[in-house]
Amino acid sequence: MSLDPHFDDEHHAGEARRAVREGLGVALATSAYGISFGALAVASGLDVWQTCVMSLLMFTGGSQFAFVGVVGAGGLAAAPAAIASAALLGVRNVAYGMRMSPVIGPGFWRRAAAAQFTIDESTAVSLAQKTRHARTLGFWVTGIGIYIGWNLSTLAGALLGDVLGDPREYGLDAAAAAAFLALLWPRLRRRQPIVVGVAAAVVATILTPVLMPGLPVIIAASVAVVVGWLNWLGSDDEGTDWDEPRNVAEREGMP
């Protein structure tokens, strides 16, 4: 029997298919962006194998771009600043991990494996779903799909960087942002999420030219934390069917 009376077996199957479609779509868009990283990393002075190892082990696009961007501008002497920038951007994944923990479920090896795939896109696809199974499925399909595609496209971009020229001419620098915005847009249905999104975007836009990479993201994210903590513009009688389905793990007492 379904844990949520609003969803029968047919609806659950439909939600699962929807999660897979969204996950694969986001994986395809984000993987294309890896070509841009591979080409940029090699142009910044990294070898092909160094570029590929970074994608295999670090696997967080924003941090990777921050690292190669700083190194490309300042050379080896800028390595400490590059590491600091990448680390600052990577802090957001800690917040994602705490939020996704109840969706992933218990078990050391399961959580250890999930840590590698906990990124912006896998978190967004998962939380956009309406059932626990769909959320879990969306997370793994998106995370694994992007990991495979990102590393393949990183290799391709590193090998073909000189032939491709500037990847931004093809619009690849906007692929991941467009995919993430497509996931975010349906959630902007009430005053509080709309105000949070607009405020965070304004803060990030203002601070990006004046602060080192990573800090604008952290500060903009704090806007959502403050608004959510104080429940500004929110109300207790607003429905939660979209934002928080009733049968996800955290509503059933899973830590």
Protein backbone atom coordinates (compact mmCIF):
# COMPACT_ATOMS: atom_id res chain seq x y z
CA MET A 1 0.00 0.00 0.00
CA SER A 2 1.24 3.45 -0.86
CA LEU A 3 2.53 5.49 2.07
CA ASP A 4 0.88 8.58 0.63
CA PRO A 5 -2.83 8.35 -0.25
CA HIS A 6 -2.32 10.88 -3.03
CA PHE A 7 -0.14 8.46 -4.99
CA ASP A 8 -1.13 4.98 -6.16
CA ASP A 9 1.21 2.52 -7.91
CA GLU A 10 0.60 4.08 -11.32
CA HIS A 11 1.42 7.55 -10.06
CA HIS A 12 4.57 6.28 -8.34
CA ALA A 13 5.71 4.67 -11.61
CA GLY A 14 5.01 7.91 -13.46
CA GLU A 15 7.01 9.90 -10.93
CA ALA A 16 9.91 7.46 -11.28
CA ARG A 17 9.92 7.82 -15.07
CA ARG A 18 9.79 11.59 -14.71
CA ALA A 19 12.79 11.52 -12.36
CA VAL A 20 14.79 9.43 -14.83
CA ARG A 21 13.92 11.73 -17.75
CA GLU A 22 14.89 14.83 -15.82
CA GLY A 23 18.08 13.24 -14.55
CA LEU A 24 19.21 12.15 -18.00
CA GLY A 25 18.30 15.52 -19.51
CA VAL A 26 20.31 17.43 -16.93
CA ALA A 27 23.20 14.97 -17.26
CA LEU A 28 23.32 15.53 -21.02
CA ALA A 29 23.33 19.33 -20.70
CA THR A 30 25.90 19.40 -17.91
CA SER A 31 28.17 16.87 -19.59
CA ALA A 32 28.41 19.12 -22.64
CA TYR A 33 29.75 21.81 -20.33
CA GLY A 34 32.68 19.50 -19.48
CA ILE A 35 34.14 20.14 -22.92
CA SER A 36 34.54 23.77 -21.94
CA PHE A 37 36.35 22.82 -18.74
CA GLY A 38 38.71 20.42 -20.48
CA ALA A 39 39.69 22.99 -23.10
CA LEU A 40 40.08 25.78 -20.52
CA ALA A 41 42.17 23.63 -18.16
CA VAL A 42 44.66 22.71 -20.87
CA ALA A 43 44.80 26.33 -22.03
CA SER A 44 45.57 27.32 -18.42
CA GLY A 45 48.67 25.11 -18.36
CA LEU A 46 47.44 21.74 -17.05
CA ASP A 47 48.32 18.50 -18.81
CA VAL A 48 45.59 16.28 -20.19
CA TRP A 49 46.05 13.73 -17.40
CA GLN A 50 45.99 16.43 -14.71
CA THR A 51 42.76 17.79 -16.16
CA CYS A 52 41.15 14.35 -16.20
CA VAL A 53 42.28 13.47 -12.68
CA MET A 54 40.76 16.71 -11.41
CA SER A 55 37.38 15.80 -12.91
CA LEU A 56 37.59 12.24 -11.61
CA LEU A 57 38.44 13.19 -8.03
CA MET A 58 37.14 16.71 -7.45
CA PHE A 59 33.99 16.45 -9.59
CA THR A 60 32.40 19.77 -8.77
CA GLY A 61 32.29 22.01 -11.80
CA GLY A 62 32.28 25.38 -10.06
CA SER A 63 35.34 24.54 -7.97
CA GLN A 64 37.15 23.14 -10.97
CA PHE A 65 36.54 26.25 -13.06
CA ALA A 66 37.58 28.47 -10.15
CA PHE A 67 40.84 26.55 -9.76
CA VAL A 68 41.90 26.61 -13.41
CA GLY A 69 40.73 30.21 -13.80
CA VAL A 70 42.96 31.46 -10.99
CA VAL A 71 45.90 29.30 -12.10
CA GLY A 72 45.48 30.46 -15.69
CA ALA A 73 45.56 34.09 -14.61
CA GLY A 74 48.38 33.90 -12.06
CA GLY A 75 50.39 30.80 -12.92
CA LEU A 76 51.84 28.38 -10.37
CA ALA A 77 52.35 31.19 -7.85
CA ALA A 78 48.58 31.57 -7.67
CA ALA A 79 48.05 27.93 -6.63
CA PRO A 80 47.23 28.74 -2.96
CA ALA A 81 44.59 31.26 -4.05
CA ALA A 82 43.24 28.75 -6.56
CA ILE A 83 42.93 26.07 -3.87
CA ALA A 84 41.20 28.53 -1.52
CA SER A 85 38.71 29.58 -4.21
CA ALA A 86 37.92 25.98 -5.11
CA ALA A 87 37.48 25.07 -1.44
CA LEU A 88 35.10 27.96 -0.81
CA LEU A 89 32.90 26.92 -3.71
CA GLY A 90 33.01 23.32 -2.51
CA VAL A 91 31.58 24.28 0.90
CA ARG A 92 28.08 24.34 -0.62
CA ASN A 93 28.29 20.58 -1.18
CA VAL A 94 28.43 20.10 2.60
CA ALA A 95 25.01 21.73 2.86
CA TYR A 96 23.75 19.55 0.02
CA GLY A 97 25.03 16.47 1.83
CA MET A 98 23.11 17.31 5.00
CA ARG A 99 19.94 17.91 3.02
CA MET A 100 20.29 14.71 0.97
CA SER A 101 21.25 12.46 3.88
CA PRO A 102 17.66 11.42 4.74
CA VAL A 103 16.90 10.84 1.05
CA ILE A 104 19.94 8.59 0.57
CA GLY A 105 19.19 6.61 3.71
CA PRO A 106 21.42 4.84 6.25
CA GLY A 107 24.47 2.71 5.56
CA PHE A 108 28.13 3.72 5.46
CA TRP A 109 28.93 2.49 1.96
CA ARG A 110 25.76 3.94 0.46
CA ARG A 111 26.49 7.36 1.94
CA ALA A 112 30.17 7.16 1.01
CA ALA A 113 29.23 6.47 -2.60
CA ALA A 114 26.60 9.21 -2.58
CA ALA A 115 29.14 11.77 -1.36
CA GLN A 116 30.91 11.67 -4.72
CA PHE A 117 27.70 12.38 -6.61
CA THR A 118 26.27 15.07 -4.31
CA ILE A 119 26.41 18.13 -6.54
CA ASP A 120 24.13 21.00 -7.52
CA GLU A 121 22.32 19.12 -10.26
CA SER A 122 21.75 15.80 -8.47
CA THR A 123 20.41 17.63 -5.43
CA ALA A 124 18.11 19.82 -7.53
CA VAL A 125 16.68 16.92 -9.55
CA SER A 126 16.12 14.86 -6.42
CA LEU A 127 14.35 17.57 -4.45
CA ALA A 128 12.15 18.43 -7.42
CA GLN A 129 10.44 15.03 -7.19
CA LYS A 130 7.28 14.28 -5.22
CA THR A 131 7.90 10.78 -3.83
CA ARG A 132 10.73 9.23 -1.86
CA HIS A 133 11.53 6.63 -4.52
CA ALA A 134 11.55 9.25 -7.27
CA ARG A 135 13.85 11.47 -5.21
CA THR A 136 16.32 8.66 -4.64
CA LEU A 137 16.16 7.60 -8.28
CA GLY A 138 16.59 11.18 -9.50
CA PHE A 139 19.66 11.64 -7.33
CA TRP A 140 21.49 8.53 -8.53
CA VAL A 141 20.55 8.84 -12.20
CA THR A 142 21.62 12.47 -12.31
CA GLY A 143 24.78 12.08 -10.26
CA ILE A 144 26.11 8.99 -12.02
CA GLY A 145 25.03 10.24 -15.44
CA ILE A 146 26.84 13.55 -14.99
CA TYR A 147 29.93 11.85 -13.54
CA ILE A 148 30.32 9.62 -16.58
CA GLY A 149 29.44 12.30 -19.11
CA TRP A 150 31.49 15.02 -17.41
CA ASN A 151 34.65 12.93 -17.37
CA LEU A 152 34.25 11.82 -20.98
CA SER A 153 33.63 15.38 -22.15
CA THR A 154 36.53 16.65 -20.03
CA LEU A 155 38.84 14.25 -21.86
CA ALA A 156 37.41 15.30 -25.21
CA GLY A 157 37.80 18.99 -24.41
CA ALA A 158 41.37 18.51 -23.19
CA LEU A 159 42.36 16.60 -26.32
CA LEU A 160 40.56 18.88 -28.77
CA GLY A 161 41.02 22.20 -26.99
CA ASP A 162 43.20 23.74 -29.68
CA VAL A 163 40.80 22.62 -32.40
CA LEU A 164 37.65 23.85 -30.63
CA GLY A 165 38.92 27.33 -29.87
CA ASP A 166 37.04 29.30 -27.24
CA PRO A 167 34.23 27.03 -25.90
CA ARG A 168 32.19 30.08 -24.93
CA GLU A 169 31.58 30.76 -28.62
CA TYR A 170 29.39 27.64 -28.68
CA GLY A 171 27.38 28.62 -25.64
CA LEU A 172 28.65 25.69 -23.58
CA ASP A 173 29.41 27.97 -20.65
CA ALA A 174 25.66 28.50 -20.18
CA ALA A 175 24.53 24.87 -20.49
CA ALA A 176 24.72 23.92 -16.81
CA ALA A 177 23.21 27.20 -15.62
CA ALA A 178 20.30 26.80 -18.05
CA ALA A 179 19.62 23.24 -16.89
CA PHE A 180 19.69 24.28 -13.23
CA LEU A 181 17.35 27.21 -13.89
CA ALA A 182 14.91 24.87 -15.62
CA LEU A 183 14.78 22.77 -12.44
CA LEU A 184 14.43 25.80 -10.19
CA TRP A 185 11.70 27.57 -12.13
CA PRO A 186 8.76 25.27 -11.24
CA ARG A 187 9.50 25.74 -7.53
CA LEU A 188 9.01 29.51 -7.71
CA ARG A 189 5.29 29.36 -7.01
CA ARG A 190 5.04 31.30 -3.74
CA ARG A 191 6.24 34.62 -2.43
CA GLN A 192 9.00 33.28 -0.22
CA PRO A 193 10.86 31.20 -2.87
CA ILE A 194 10.54 34.02 -5.41
CA VAL A 195 11.94 36.62 -3.02
CA VAL A 196 14.76 34.28 -1.96
CA GLY A 197 15.72 33.59 -5.57
CA VAL A 198 15.69 37.26 -6.58
CA ALA A 199 17.57 38.40 -3.46
CA ALA A 200 20.25 35.71 -3.81
CA ALA A 201 20.73 36.55 -7.50
CA VAL A 202 21.10 40.26 -6.73
CA VAL A 203 23.60 39.61 -3.93
CA ALA A 204 25.69 37.28 -6.11
CA THR A 205 25.65 39.72 -9.04
CA ILE A 206 26.80 42.63 -6.88
CA LEU A 207 29.53 40.72 -5.03
CA THR A 208 31.01 38.66 -7.89
CA PRO A 209 33.14 41.50 -9.35
CA VAL A 210 34.59 42.50 -5.95
CA LEU A 211 35.14 39.23 -4.08
CA MET A 212 37.25 36.16 -4.78
CA PRO A 213 35.46 33.22 -6.45
CA GLY A 214 33.42 31.19 -3.99
CA LEU A 215 32.54 33.93 -1.50
CA PRO A 216 29.60 35.37 -3.50
CA VAL A 217 28.04 31.89 -3.68
CA ILE A 218 28.37 31.35 0.08
CA ILE A 219 26.99 34.79 0.92
CA ALA A 220 24.10 34.45 -1.53
CA ALA A 221 23.25 31.07 -0.05
CA SER A 222 23.09 32.66 3.40
CA VAL A 223 20.15 34.74 2.15
CA ALA A 224 18.09 31.57 1.74
CA VAL A 225 19.21 30.29 5.15
CA VAL A 226 18.19 33.50 6.93
CA VAL A 227 14.85 33.81 5.13
CA GLY A 228 14.01 30.15 5.73
CA TRP A 229 15.10 30.21 9.38
CA LEU A 230 12.98 33.28 10.16
CA ASN A 231 10.17 32.18 7.81
CA TRP A 232 9.99 35.63 6.23
CA LEU A 233 7.07 35.99 3.82
CA GLY A 234 6.07 32.40 4.56
CA SER A 235 2.91 31.20 6.24
CA ASP A 236 1.99 28.08 8.17
CA ASP A 237 -1.10 27.45 6.03
CA GLU A 238 0.79 27.19 2.75
CA GLY A 239 0.61 23.71 1.27
CA THR A 240 3.67 21.50 1.05
CA ASP A 241 2.66 19.01 -1.62
CA TRP A 242 5.23 20.36 -4.06
CA ASP A 243 8.03 21.49 -1.79
CA GLU A 244 8.04 18.52 0.59
CA PRO A 245 6.24 15.30 -0.27
CA ARG A 246 4.75 13.41 2.64
CA ASN A 247 6.52 10.12 2.15
CA VAL A 248 10.12 11.28 1.86
CA ALA A 249 12.50 9.83 4.41
CA GLU A 250 12.68 12.82 6.73
CA ARG A 251 8.92 12.67 7.28
CA GLU A 252 9.17 9.05 8.36
CA GLY A 253 11.72 9.50 11.11
CA MET A 254 14.86 8.45 9.23
CA PRO A 255 17.89 10.37 10.57
